[in-house]
Amino acid sequence: AAAADGFQGVEYLFPYTWQPEELKALLQ
């Protein structure tokens, strides 16, 4: 959703519910 609105960067409070590799895949 953020990418569709033209954002190129994201932040959030905490990533620890998810494995870092899962989040990295979403970023890529």
mmCIF file of all heavy atoms, coordinates in Angstrom:
data_MODEL
# 
_entry.id   MODEL 
# 
loop_
_atom_site.group_PDB 
_atom_site.id 
_atom_site.type_symbol 
_atom_site.label_atom_id 
_atom_site.label_alt_id 
_atom_site.label_comp_id 
_atom_site.label_asym_id 
_atom_site.label_entity_id 
_atom_site.label_seq_id 
_atom_site.pdbx_PDB_ins_code 
_atom_site.Cartn_x 
_atom_site.Cartn_y 
_atom_site.Cartn_z 
_atom_site.occupancy 
_atom_site.B_iso_or_equiv 
_atom_site.pdbx_formal_charge 
_atom_site.auth_seq_id 
_atom_site.auth_comp_id 
_atom_site.auth_asym_id 
_atom_site.auth_atom_id 
_atom_site.pdbx_PDB_model_num 
ATOM 1   N N   . ALA A 1 1  ? 0.830  -1.204  0.000  1.00 0.00 ? 1  ALA A N   1 
ATOM 2   C CA  . ALA A 1 1  ? 0.000  0.000   0.000  1.00 0.00 ? 1  ALA A CA  1 
ATOM 3   C C   . ALA A 1 1  ? 0.866  1.256   0.000  1.00 0.00 ? 1  ALA A C   1 
ATOM 4   O O   . ALA A 1 1  ? 0.576  2.229   -0.722 1.00 0.00 ? 1  ALA A O   1 
ATOM 5   C CB  . ALA A 1 1  ? -0.925 -0.010  1.218  1.00 0.00 ? 1  ALA A CB  1 
ATOM 6   N N   . ALA A 1 2  ? 1.937  1.253   0.796  1.00 0.00 ? 2  ALA A N   1 
ATOM 7   C CA  . ALA A 1 2  ? 2.819  2.413   0.840  1.00 0.00 ? 2  ALA A CA  1 
ATOM 8   C C   . ALA A 1 2  ? 3.524  2.616   -0.501 1.00 0.00 ? 2  ALA A C   1 
ATOM 9   O O   . ALA A 1 2  ? 3.639  3.755   -0.993 1.00 0.00 ? 2  ALA A O   1 
ATOM 10  C CB  . ALA A 1 2  ? 3.845  2.248   1.959  1.00 0.00 ? 2  ALA A CB  1 
ATOM 11  N N   . ALA A 1 3  ? 3.987  1.539   -1.100 1.00 0.00 ? 3  ALA A N   1 
ATOM 12  C CA  . ALA A 1 3  ? 4.653  1.647   -2.398 1.00 0.00 ? 3  ALA A CA  1 
ATOM 13  C C   . ALA A 1 3  ? 3.696  2.164   -3.463 1.00 0.00 ? 3  ALA A C   1 
ATOM 14  O O   . ALA A 1 3  ? 4.077  2.973   -4.319 1.00 0.00 ? 3  ALA A O   1 
ATOM 15  C CB  . ALA A 1 3  ? 5.232  0.297   -2.796 1.00 0.00 ? 3  ALA A CB  1 
ATOM 16  N N   . ALA A 1 4  ? 2.452  1.716   -3.423 1.00 0.00 ? 4  ALA A N   1 
ATOM 17  C CA  . ALA A 1 4  ? 1.460  2.157   -4.404 1.00 0.00 ? 4  ALA A CA  1 
ATOM 18  C C   . ALA A 1 4  ? 1.193  3.654   -4.299 1.00 0.00 ? 4  ALA A C   1 
ATOM 19  O O   . ALA A 1 4  ? 0.849  4.305   -5.296 1.00 0.00 ? 4  ALA A O   1 
ATOM 20  C CB  . ALA A 1 4  ? 0.163  1.372   -4.223 1.00 0.00 ? 4  ALA A CB  1 
ATOM 21  N N   . ASP A 1 5  ? 1.372  4.213   -3.105 1.00 0.00 ? 5  ASP A N   1 
ATOM 22  C CA  . ASP A 1 5  ? 1.179  5.648   -2.916 1.00 0.00 ? 5  ASP A CA  1 
ATOM 23  C C   . ASP A 1 5  ? 2.453  6.451   -3.161 1.00 0.00 ? 5  ASP A C   1 
ATOM 24  O O   . ASP A 1 5  ? 2.473  7.668   -2.919 1.00 0.00 ? 5  ASP A O   1 
ATOM 25  C CB  . ASP A 1 5  ? 0.658  5.922   -1.504 1.00 0.00 ? 5  ASP A CB  1 
ATOM 26  C CG  . ASP A 1 5  ? -0.833 5.638   -1.371 1.00 0.00 ? 5  ASP A CG  1 
ATOM 27  O OD1 . ASP A 1 5  ? -1.554 5.779   -2.376 1.00 0.00 ? 5  ASP A OD1 1 
ATOM 28  O OD2 . ASP A 1 5  ? -1.273 5.272   -0.253 1.00 0.00 ? 5  ASP A OD2 1 
ATOM 29  N N   . GLY A 1 6  ? 3.497  5.798   -3.617 1.00 0.00 ? 6  GLY A N   1 
ATOM 30  C CA  . GLY A 1 6  ? 4.707  6.509   -3.998 1.00 0.00 ? 6  GLY A CA  1 
ATOM 31  C C   . GLY A 1 6  ? 5.775  6.622   -2.936 1.00 0.00 ? 6  GLY A C   1 
ATOM 32  O O   . GLY A 1 6  ? 6.807  7.265   -3.159 1.00 0.00 ? 6  GLY A O   1 
ATOM 33  N N   . PHE A 1 7  ? 5.566  6.022   -1.760 1.00 0.00 ? 7  PHE A N   1 
ATOM 34  C CA  . PHE A 1 7  ? 6.617  6.035   -0.743 1.00 0.00 ? 7  PHE A CA  1 
ATOM 35  C C   . PHE A 1 7  ? 7.767  5.138   -1.175 1.00 0.00 ? 7  PHE A C   1 
ATOM 36  O O   . PHE A 1 7  ? 7.560  4.063   -1.733 1.00 0.00 ? 7  PHE A O   1 
ATOM 37  C CB  . PHE A 1 7  ? 6.073  5.556   0.599  1.00 0.00 ? 7  PHE A CB  1 
ATOM 38  C CG  . PHE A 1 7  ? 5.197  6.557   1.306  1.00 0.00 ? 7  PHE A CG  1 
ATOM 39  C CD1 . PHE A 1 7  ? 3.817  6.405   1.315  1.00 0.00 ? 7  PHE A CD1 1 
ATOM 40  C CD2 . PHE A 1 7  ? 5.751  7.642   1.964  1.00 0.00 ? 7  PHE A CD2 1 
ATOM 41  C CE1 . PHE A 1 7  ? 3.000  7.325   1.965  1.00 0.00 ? 7  PHE A CE1 1 
ATOM 42  C CE2 . PHE A 1 7  ? 4.950  8.571   2.622  1.00 0.00 ? 7  PHE A CE2 1 
ATOM 43  C CZ  . PHE A 1 7  ? 3.569  8.417   2.620  1.00 0.00 ? 7  PHE A CZ  1 
ATOM 44  N N   . GLN A 1 8  ? 8.978  5.581   -0.871 1.00 0.00 ? 8  GLN A N   1 
ATOM 45  C CA  . GLN A 1 8  ? 10.167 4.785   -1.164 1.00 0.00 ? 8  GLN A CA  1 
ATOM 46  C C   . GLN A 1 8  ? 10.842 4.262   0.098  1.00 0.00 ? 8  GLN A C   1 
ATOM 47  O O   . GLN A 1 8  ? 11.742 3.428   0.021  1.00 0.00 ? 8  GLN A O   1 
ATOM 48  C CB  . GLN A 1 8  ? 11.158 5.608   -1.985 1.00 0.00 ? 8  GLN A CB  1 
ATOM 49  C CG  . GLN A 1 8  ? 10.607 6.002   -3.355 1.00 0.00 ? 8  GLN A CG  1 
ATOM 50  C CD  . GLN A 1 8  ? 11.603 6.816   -4.167 1.00 0.00 ? 8  GLN A CD  1 
ATOM 51  O OE1 . GLN A 1 8  ? 12.401 7.588   -3.612 1.00 0.00 ? 8  GLN A OE1 1 
ATOM 52  N NE2 . GLN A 1 8  ? 11.572 6.653   -5.471 1.00 0.00 ? 8  GLN A NE2 1 
ATOM 53  N N   . GLY A 1 9  ? 10.398 4.757   1.252  1.00 0.00 ? 9  GLY A N   1 
ATOM 54  C CA  . GLY A 1 9  ? 10.949 4.312   2.521  1.00 0.00 ? 9  GLY A CA  1 
ATOM 55  C C   . GLY A 1 9  ? 9.849  4.020   3.514  1.00 0.00 ? 9  GLY A C   1 
ATOM 56  O O   . GLY A 1 9  ? 8.741  4.566   3.408  1.00 0.00 ? 9  GLY A O   1 
ATOM 57  N N   . VAL A 1 10 ? 10.134 3.128   4.472  1.00 0.00 ? 10 VAL A N   1 
ATOM 58  C CA  . VAL A 1 10 ? 9.171  2.800   5.524  1.00 0.00 ? 10 VAL A CA  1 
ATOM 59  C C   . VAL A 1 10 ? 9.884  2.730   6.869  1.00 0.00 ? 10 VAL A C   1 
ATOM 60  O O   . VAL A 1 10 ? 11.079 2.451   6.962  1.00 0.00 ? 10 VAL A O   1 
ATOM 61  C CB  . VAL A 1 10 ? 8.437  1.465   5.266  1.00 0.00 ? 10 VAL A CB  1 
ATOM 62  C CG1 . VAL A 1 10 ? 7.569  1.556   4.019  1.00 0.00 ? 10 VAL A CG1 1 
ATOM 63  C CG2 . VAL A 1 10 ? 9.404  0.305   5.165  1.00 0.00 ? 10 VAL A CG2 1 
ATOM 64  N N   . GLU A 1 11 ? 9.108  3.001   7.907  1.00 0.00 ? 11 GLU A N   1 
ATOM 65  C CA  . GLU A 1 11 ? 9.534  2.815   9.283  1.00 0.00 ? 11 GLU A CA  1 
ATOM 66  C C   . GLU A 1 11 ? 8.361  2.216   10.037 1.00 0.00 ? 11 GLU A C   1 
ATOM 67  O O   . GLU A 1 11 ? 7.235  2.200   9.540  1.00 0.00 ? 11 GLU A O   1 
ATOM 68  C CB  . GLU A 1 11 ? 9.943  4.149   9.918  1.00 0.00 ? 11 GLU A CB  1 
ATOM 69  C CG  . GLU A 1 11 ? 8.792  5.160   10.002 1.00 0.00 ? 11 GLU A CG  1 
ATOM 70  C CD  . GLU A 1 11 ? 9.173  6.452   10.700 1.00 0.00 ? 11 GLU A CD  1 
ATOM 71  O OE1 . GLU A 1 11 ? 10.310 6.923   10.496 1.00 0.00 ? 11 GLU A OE1 1 
ATOM 72  O OE2 . GLU A 1 11 ? 8.328  6.984   11.449 1.00 0.00 ? 11 GLU A OE2 1 
ATOM 73  N N   . TYR A 1 12 ? 8.614  1.688   11.221 1.00 0.00 ? 12 TYR A N   1 
ATOM 74  C CA  . TYR A 1 12 ? 7.552  1.183   12.088 1.00 0.00 ? 12 TYR A CA  1 
ATOM 75  C C   . TYR A 1 12 ? 8.140  0.999   13.469 1.00 0.00 ? 12 TYR A C   1 
ATOM 76  O O   . TYR A 1 12 ? 9.358  1.128   13.663 1.00 0.00 ? 12 TYR A O   1 
ATOM 77  C CB  . TYR A 1 12 ? 6.935  -0.117  11.562 1.00 0.00 ? 12 TYR A CB  1 
ATOM 78  C CG  . TYR A 1 12 ? 7.904  -1.070  10.901 1.00 0.00 ? 12 TYR A CG  1 
ATOM 79  C CD1 . TYR A 1 12 ? 8.757  -1.873  11.644 1.00 0.00 ? 12 TYR A CD1 1 
ATOM 80  C CD2 . TYR A 1 12 ? 7.961  -1.171  9.514  1.00 0.00 ? 12 TYR A CD2 1 
ATOM 81  C CE1 . TYR A 1 12 ? 9.634  -2.745  11.037 1.00 0.00 ? 12 TYR A CE1 1 
ATOM 82  C CE2 . TYR A 1 12 ? 8.829  -2.041  8.891  1.00 0.00 ? 12 TYR A CE2 1 
ATOM 83  C CZ  . TYR A 1 12 ? 9.669  -2.826  9.656  1.00 0.00 ? 12 TYR A CZ  1 
ATOM 84  O OH  . TYR A 1 12 ? 10.556 -3.679  9.048  1.00 0.00 ? 12 TYR A OH  1 
ATOM 85  N N   . LEU A 1 13 ? 7.276  0.732   14.443 1.00 0.00 ? 13 LEU A N   1 
ATOM 86  C CA  . LEU A 1 13 ? 7.767  0.647   15.810 1.00 0.00 ? 13 LEU A CA  1 
ATOM 87  C C   . LEU A 1 13 ? 8.696  -0.544  16.015 1.00 0.00 ? 13 LEU A C   1 
ATOM 88  O O   . LEU A 1 13 ? 9.854  -0.375  16.392 1.00 0.00 ? 13 LEU A O   1 
ATOM 89  C CB  . LEU A 1 13 ? 6.578  0.567   16.787 1.00 0.00 ? 13 LEU A CB  1 
ATOM 90  C CG  . LEU A 1 13 ? 5.739  1.830   16.931 1.00 0.00 ? 13 LEU A CG  1 
ATOM 91  C CD1 . LEU A 1 13 ? 4.587  1.582   17.908 1.00 0.00 ? 13 LEU A CD1 1 
ATOM 92  C CD2 . LEU A 1 13 ? 6.583  3.007   17.403 1.00 0.00 ? 13 LEU A CD2 1 
ATOM 93  N N   . PHE A 1 14 ? 8.198  -1.750  15.787 1.00 0.00 ? 14 PHE A N   1 
ATOM 94  C CA  . PHE A 1 14 ? 8.961  -2.944  16.135 1.00 0.00 ? 14 PHE A CA  1 
ATOM 95  C C   . PHE A 1 14 ? 8.822  -4.013  15.055 1.00 0.00 ? 14 PHE A C   1 
ATOM 96  O O   . PHE A 1 14 ? 7.715  -4.298  14.606 1.00 0.00 ? 14 PHE A O   1 
ATOM 97  C CB  . PHE A 1 14 ? 8.463  -3.518  17.470 1.00 0.00 ? 14 PHE A CB  1 
ATOM 98  C CG  . PHE A 1 14 ? 8.362  -2.490  18.565 1.00 0.00 ? 14 PHE A CG  1 
ATOM 99  C CD1 . PHE A 1 14 ? 7.132  -2.073  19.030 1.00 0.00 ? 14 PHE A CD1 1 
ATOM 100 C CD2 . PHE A 1 14 ? 9.504  -1.923  19.103 1.00 0.00 ? 14 PHE A CD2 1 
ATOM 101 C CE1 . PHE A 1 14 ? 7.022  -1.113  20.020 1.00 0.00 ? 14 PHE A CE1 1 
ATOM 102 C CE2 . PHE A 1 14 ? 9.413  -0.959  20.101 1.00 0.00 ? 14 PHE A CE2 1 
ATOM 103 C CZ  . PHE A 1 14 ? 8.171  -0.554  20.560 1.00 0.00 ? 14 PHE A CZ  1 
ATOM 104 N N   . PRO A 1 15 ? 9.915  -4.647  14.673 1.00 0.00 ? 15 PRO A N   1 
ATOM 105 C CA  . PRO A 1 15 ? 9.873  -5.704  13.667 1.00 0.00 ? 15 PRO A CA  1 
ATOM 106 C C   . PRO A 1 15 ? 9.832  -7.122  14.232 1.00 0.00 ? 15 PRO A C   1 
ATOM 107 O O   . PRO A 1 15 ? 9.766  -8.093  13.471 1.00 0.00 ? 15 PRO A O   1 
ATOM 108 C CB  . PRO A 1 15 ? 11.191 -5.490  12.917 1.00 0.00 ? 15 PRO A CB  1 
ATOM 109 C CG  . PRO A 1 15 ? 12.131 -5.056  14.000 1.00 0.00 ? 15 PRO A CG  1 
ATOM 110 C CD  . PRO A 1 15 ? 11.301 -4.238  14.970 1.00 0.00 ? 15 PRO A CD  1 
ATOM 111 N N   . TYR A 1 16 ? 9.851  -7.279  15.550 1.00 0.00 ? 16 TYR A N   1 
ATOM 112 C CA  . TYR A 1 16 ? 10.260 -8.543  16.145 1.00 0.00 ? 16 TYR A CA  1 
ATOM 113 C C   . TYR A 1 16 ? 9.204  -9.648  16.088 1.00 0.00 ? 16 TYR A C   1 
ATOM 114 O O   . TYR A 1 16 ? 9.503  -10.800 16.388 1.00 0.00 ? 16 TYR A O   1 
ATOM 115 C CB  . TYR A 1 16 ? 10.738 -8.301  17.581 1.00 0.00 ? 16 TYR A CB  1 
ATOM 116 C CG  . TYR A 1 16 ? 11.730 -7.160  17.637 1.00 0.00 ? 16 TYR A CG  1 
ATOM 117 C CD1 . TYR A 1 16 ? 11.375 -5.922  18.189 1.00 0.00 ? 16 TYR A CD1 1 
ATOM 118 C CD2 . TYR A 1 16 ? 12.997 -7.296  17.072 1.00 0.00 ? 16 TYR A CD2 1 
ATOM 119 C CE1 . TYR A 1 16 ? 12.259 -4.865  18.199 1.00 0.00 ? 16 TYR A CE1 1 
ATOM 120 C CE2 . TYR A 1 16 ? 13.890 -6.235  17.075 1.00 0.00 ? 16 TYR A CE2 1 
ATOM 121 C CZ  . TYR A 1 16 ? 13.516 -5.023  17.636 1.00 0.00 ? 16 TYR A CZ  1 
ATOM 122 O OH  . TYR A 1 16 ? 14.389 -3.964  17.616 1.00 0.00 ? 16 TYR A OH  1 
ATOM 123 N N   . THR A 1 17 ? 7.982  -9.310  15.705 1.00 0.00 ? 17 THR A N   1 
ATOM 124 C CA  . THR A 1 17 ? 6.947  -10.332 15.523 1.00 0.00 ? 17 THR A CA  1 
ATOM 125 C C   . THR A 1 17 ? 7.229  -11.187 14.286 1.00 0.00 ? 17 THR A C   1 
ATOM 126 O O   . THR A 1 17 ? 6.790  -12.331 14.205 1.00 0.00 ? 17 THR A O   1 
ATOM 127 C CB  . THR A 1 17 ? 5.557  -9.670  15.397 1.00 0.00 ? 17 THR A CB  1 
ATOM 128 O OG1 . THR A 1 17 ? 5.301  -8.935  16.589 1.00 0.00 ? 17 THR A OG1 1 
ATOM 129 C CG2 . THR A 1 17 ? 4.457  -10.705 15.194 1.00 0.00 ? 17 THR A CG2 1 
ATOM 130 N N   . TRP A 1 18 ? 7.996  -10.625 13.353 1.00 0.00 ? 18 TRP A N   1 
ATOM 131 C CA  . TRP A 1 18 ? 8.274  -11.290 12.091 1.00 0.00 ? 18 TRP A CA  1 
ATOM 132 C C   . TRP A 1 18 ? 9.759  -11.617 11.994 1.00 0.00 ? 18 TRP A C   1 
ATOM 133 O O   . TRP A 1 18 ? 10.599 -10.953 12.596 1.00 0.00 ? 18 TRP A O   1 
ATOM 134 C CB  . TRP A 1 18 ? 7.866  -10.394 10.907 1.00 0.00 ? 18 TRP A CB  1 
ATOM 135 C CG  . TRP A 1 18 ? 6.406  -10.082 10.905 1.00 0.00 ? 18 TRP A CG  1 
ATOM 136 C CD1 . TRP A 1 18 ? 5.404  -10.784 10.292 1.00 0.00 ? 18 TRP A CD1 1 
ATOM 137 C CD2 . TRP A 1 18 ? 5.753  -8.996  11.583 1.00 0.00 ? 18 TRP A CD2 1 
ATOM 138 N NE1 . TRP A 1 18 ? 4.188  -10.201 10.542 1.00 0.00 ? 18 TRP A NE1 1 
ATOM 139 C CE2 . TRP A 1 18 ? 4.366  -9.101  11.320 1.00 0.00 ? 18 TRP A CE2 1 
ATOM 140 C CE3 . TRP A 1 18 ? 6.209  -7.932  12.369 1.00 0.00 ? 18 TRP A CE3 1 
ATOM 141 C CZ2 . TRP A 1 18 ? 3.439  -8.197  11.822 1.00 0.00 ? 18 TRP A CZ2 1 
ATOM 142 C CZ3 . TRP A 1 18 ? 5.300  -7.027  12.881 1.00 0.00 ? 18 TRP A CZ3 1 
ATOM 143 C CH2 . TRP A 1 18 ? 3.925  -7.167  12.607 1.00 0.00 ? 18 TRP A CH2 1 
ATOM 144 N N   . GLN A 1 19 ? 10.081 -12.628 11.202 1.00 0.00 ? 19 GLN A N   1 
ATOM 145 C CA  . GLN A 1 19 ? 11.477 -12.932 10.939 1.00 0.00 ? 19 GLN A CA  1 
ATOM 146 C C   . GLN A 1 19 ? 12.054 -11.847 10.023 1.00 0.00 ? 19 GLN A C   1 
ATOM 147 O O   . GLN A 1 19 ? 11.368 -11.356 9.131  1.00 0.00 ? 19 GLN A O   1 
ATOM 148 C CB  . GLN A 1 19 ? 11.612 -14.302 10.271 1.00 0.00 ? 19 GLN A CB  1 
ATOM 149 C CG  . GLN A 1 19 ? 11.268 -15.464 11.182 1.00 0.00 ? 19 GLN A CG  1 
ATOM 150 C CD  . GLN A 1 19 ? 12.162 -15.521 12.407 1.00 0.00 ? 19 GLN A CD  1 
ATOM 151 O OE1 . GLN A 1 19 ? 13.391 -15.428 12.296 1.00 0.00 ? 19 GLN A OE1 1 
ATOM 152 N NE2 . GLN A 1 19 ? 11.559 -15.677 13.579 1.00 0.00 ? 19 GLN A NE2 1 
ATOM 153 N N   . PRO A 1 20 ? 13.298 -11.458 10.231 1.00 0.00 ? 20 PRO A N   1 
ATOM 154 C CA  . PRO A 1 20 ? 13.860 -10.380 9.407  1.00 0.00 ? 20 PRO A CA  1 
ATOM 155 C C   . PRO A 1 20 ? 13.863 -10.709 7.916  1.00 0.00 ? 20 PRO A C   1 
ATOM 156 O O   . PRO A 1 20 ? 13.675 -9.820  7.083  1.00 0.00 ? 20 PRO A O   1 
ATOM 157 C CB  . PRO A 1 20 ? 15.275 -10.199 9.964  1.00 0.00 ? 20 PRO A CB  1 
ATOM 158 C CG  . PRO A 1 20 ? 15.582 -11.459 10.711 1.00 0.00 ? 20 PRO A CG  1 
ATOM 159 C CD  . PRO A 1 20 ? 14.270 -11.945 11.234 1.00 0.00 ? 20 PRO A CD  1 
ATOM 160 N N   . GLU A 1 21 ? 14.053 -11.984 7.581  1.00 0.00 ? 21 GLU A N   1 
ATOM 161 C CA  . GLU A 1 21 ? 14.063 -12.371 6.169  1.00 0.00 ? 21 GLU A CA  1 
ATOM 162 C C   . GLU A 1 21 ? 12.695 -12.166 5.525  1.00 0.00 ? 21 GLU A C   1 
ATOM 163 O O   . GLU A 1 21 ? 12.601 -11.818 4.340  1.00 0.00 ? 21 GLU A O   1 
ATOM 164 C CB  . GLU A 1 21 ? 14.511 -13.825 6.023  1.00 0.00 ? 21 GLU A CB  1 
ATOM 165 C CG  . GLU A 1 21 ? 15.957 -14.079 6.407  1.00 0.00 ? 21 GLU A CG  1 
ATOM 166 C CD  . GLU A 1 21 ? 16.195 -14.127 7.901  1.00 0.00 ? 21 GLU A CD  1 
ATOM 167 O OE1 . GLU A 1 21 ? 15.201 -14.210 8.666  1.00 0.00 ? 21 GLU A OE1 1 
ATOM 168 O OE2 . GLU A 1 21 ? 17.371 -14.085 8.328  1.00 0.00 ? 21 GLU A OE2 1 
ATOM 169 N N   . GLU A 1 22 ? 11.631 -12.367 6.292  1.00 0.00 ? 22 GLU A N   1 
ATOM 170 C CA  . GLU A 1 22 ? 10.277 -12.142 5.783  1.00 0.00 ? 22 GLU A CA  1 
ATOM 171 C C   . GLU A 1 22 ? 10.064 -10.667 5.476  1.00 0.00 ? 22 GLU A C   1 
ATOM 172 O O   . GLU A 1 22 ? 9.505  -10.303 4.426  1.00 0.00 ? 22 GLU A O   1 
ATOM 173 C CB  . GLU A 1 22 ? 9.250  -12.621 6.815  1.00 0.00 ? 22 GLU A CB  1 
ATOM 174 C CG  . GLU A 1 22 ? 7.798  -12.430 6.393  1.00 0.00 ? 22 GLU A CG  1 
ATOM 175 C CD  . GLU A 1 22 ? 6.818  -12.849 7.468  1.00 0.00 ? 22 GLU A CD  1 
ATOM 176 O OE1 . GLU A 1 22 ? 7.258  -13.231 8.574  1.00 0.00 ? 22 GLU A OE1 1 
ATOM 177 O OE2 . GLU A 1 22 ? 5.602  -12.788 7.206  1.00 0.00 ? 22 GLU A OE2 1 
ATOM 178 N N   . LEU A 1 23 ? 10.510 -9.812  6.369  1.00 0.00 ? 23 LEU A N   1 
ATOM 179 C CA  . LEU A 1 23 ? 10.368 -8.378  6.145  1.00 0.00 ? 23 LEU A CA  1 
ATOM 180 C C   . LEU A 1 23 ? 11.253 -7.903  5.000  1.00 0.00 ? 23 LEU A C   1 
ATOM 181 O O   . LEU A 1 23 ? 10.846 -7.048  4.193  1.00 0.00 ? 23 LEU A O   1 
ATOM 182 C CB  . LEU A 1 23 ? 10.695 -7.622  7.427  1.00 0.00 ? 23 LEU A CB  1 
ATOM 183 C CG  . LEU A 1 23 ? 9.777  -7.904  8.624  1.00 0.00 ? 23 LEU A CG  1 
ATOM 184 C CD1 . LEU A 1 23 ? 10.294 -7.197  9.872  1.00 0.00 ? 23 LEU A CD1 1 
ATOM 185 C CD2 . LEU A 1 23 ? 8.347  -7.488  8.332  1.00 0.00 ? 23 LEU A CD2 1 
ATOM 186 N N   . LYS A 1 24 ? 12.456 -8.441  4.918  1.00 0.00 ? 24 LYS A N   1 
ATOM 187 C CA  . LYS A 1 24 ? 13.347 -8.067  3.826  1.00 0.00 ? 24 LYS A CA  1 
ATOM 188 C C   . LYS A 1 24 ? 12.730 -8.413  2.475  1.00 0.00 ? 24 LYS A C   1 
ATOM 189 O O   . LYS A 1 24 ? 12.835 -7.636  1.510  1.00 0.00 ? 24 LYS A O   1 
ATOM 190 C CB  . LYS A 1 24 ? 14.698 -8.764  3.986  1.00 0.00 ? 24 LYS A CB  1 
ATOM 191 C CG  . LYS A 1 24 ? 15.702 -8.396  2.898  1.00 0.00 ? 24 LYS A CG  1 
ATOM 192 C CD  . LYS A 1 24 ? 17.036 -9.095  3.101  1.00 0.00 ? 24 LYS A CD  1 
ATOM 193 C CE  . LYS A 1 24 ? 18.025 -8.717  2.004  1.00 0.00 ? 24 LYS A CE  1 
ATOM 194 N NZ  . LYS A 1 24 ? 19.344 -9.395  2.196  1.00 0.00 ? 24 LYS A NZ  1 
ATOM 195 N N   . ALA A 1 25 ? 12.076 -9.568  2.399  1.00 0.00 ? 25 ALA A N   1 
ATOM 196 C CA  . ALA A 1 25 ? 11.429 -9.967  1.146  1.00 0.00 ? 25 ALA A CA  1 
ATOM 197 C C   . ALA A 1 25 ? 10.336 -8.979  0.762  1.00 0.00 ? 25 ALA A C   1 
ATOM 198 O O   . ALA A 1 25 ? 10.166 -8.653  -0.427 1.00 0.00 ? 25 ALA A O   1 
ATOM 199 C CB  . ALA A 1 25 ? 10.860 -11.377 1.277  1.00 0.00 ? 25 ALA A CB  1 
ATOM 200 N N   . LEU A 1 26 ? 9.582  -8.482  1.735  1.00 0.00 ? 26 LEU A N   1 
ATOM 201 C CA  . LEU A 1 26 ? 8.540  -7.501  1.445  1.00 0.00 ? 26 LEU A CA  1 
ATOM 202 C C   . LEU A 1 26 ? 9.147  -6.181  0.964  1.00 0.00 ? 26 LEU A C   1 
ATOM 203 O O   . LEU A 1 26 ? 8.634  -5.549  0.033  1.00 0.00 ? 26 LEU A O   1 
ATOM 204 C CB  . LEU A 1 26 ? 7.683  -7.259  2.690  1.00 0.00 ? 26 LEU A CB  1 
ATOM 205 C CG  . LEU A 1 26 ? 6.765  -8.410  3.097  1.00 0.00 ? 26 LEU A CG  1 
ATOM 206 C CD1 . LEU A 1 26 ? 6.190  -8.168  4.490  1.00 0.00 ? 26 LEU A CD1 1 
ATOM 207 C CD2 . LEU A 1 26 ? 5.635  -8.576  2.084  1.00 0.00 ? 26 LEU A CD2 1 
ATOM 208 N N   . LEU A 1 27 ? 10.238 -5.778  1.586  1.00 0.00 ? 27 LEU A N   1 
ATOM 209 C CA  . LEU A 1 27 ? 10.912 -4.553  1.146  1.00 0.00 ? 27 LEU A CA  1 
ATOM 210 C C   . LEU A 1 27 ? 11.395 -4.681  -0.293 1.00 0.00 ? 27 LEU A C   1 
ATOM 211 O O   . LEU A 1 27 ? 11.187 -3.782  -1.121 1.00 0.00 ? 27 LEU A O   1 
ATOM 212 C CB  . LEU A 1 27 ? 12.100 -4.259  2.065  1.00 0.00 ? 27 LEU A CB  1 
ATOM 213 C CG  . LEU A 1 27 ? 11.786 -3.882  3.513  1.00 0.00 ? 27 LEU A CG  1 
ATOM 214 C CD1 . LEU A 1 27 ? 13.058 -3.934  4.358  1.00 0.00 ? 27 LEU A CD1 1 
ATOM 215 C CD2 . LEU A 1 27 ? 11.160 -2.498  3.597  1.00 0.00 ? 27 LEU A CD2 1 
ATOM 216 N N   . GLN A 1 28 ? 12.015 -5.799  -0.598 1.00 0.00 ? 28 GLN A N   1 
ATOM 217 C CA  . GLN A 1 28 ? 12.543 -5.998  -1.938 1.00 0.00 ? 28 GLN A CA  1 
ATOM 218 C C   . GLN A 1 28 ? 11.421 -6.119  -2.965 1.00 0.00 ? 28 GLN A C   1 
ATOM 219 O O   . GLN A 1 28 ? 11.524 -5.573  -4.073 1.00 0.00 ? 28 GLN A O   1 
ATOM 220 C CB  . GLN A 1 28 ? 13.433 -7.243  -1.959 1.00 0.00 ? 28 GLN A CB  1 
ATOM 221 C CG  . GLN A 1 28 ? 14.713 -7.079  -1.155 1.00 0.00 ? 28 GLN A CG  1 
ATOM 222 C CD  . GLN A 1 28 ? 15.549 -8.343  -1.135 1.00 0.00 ? 28 GLN A CD  1 
ATOM 223 O OE1 . GLN A 1 28 ? 15.047 -9.454  -1.274 1.00 0.00 ? 28 GLN A OE1 1 
ATOM 224 N NE2 . GLN A 1 28 ? 16.859 -8.186  -0.944 1.00 0.00 ? 28 GLN A NE2 1 
# 
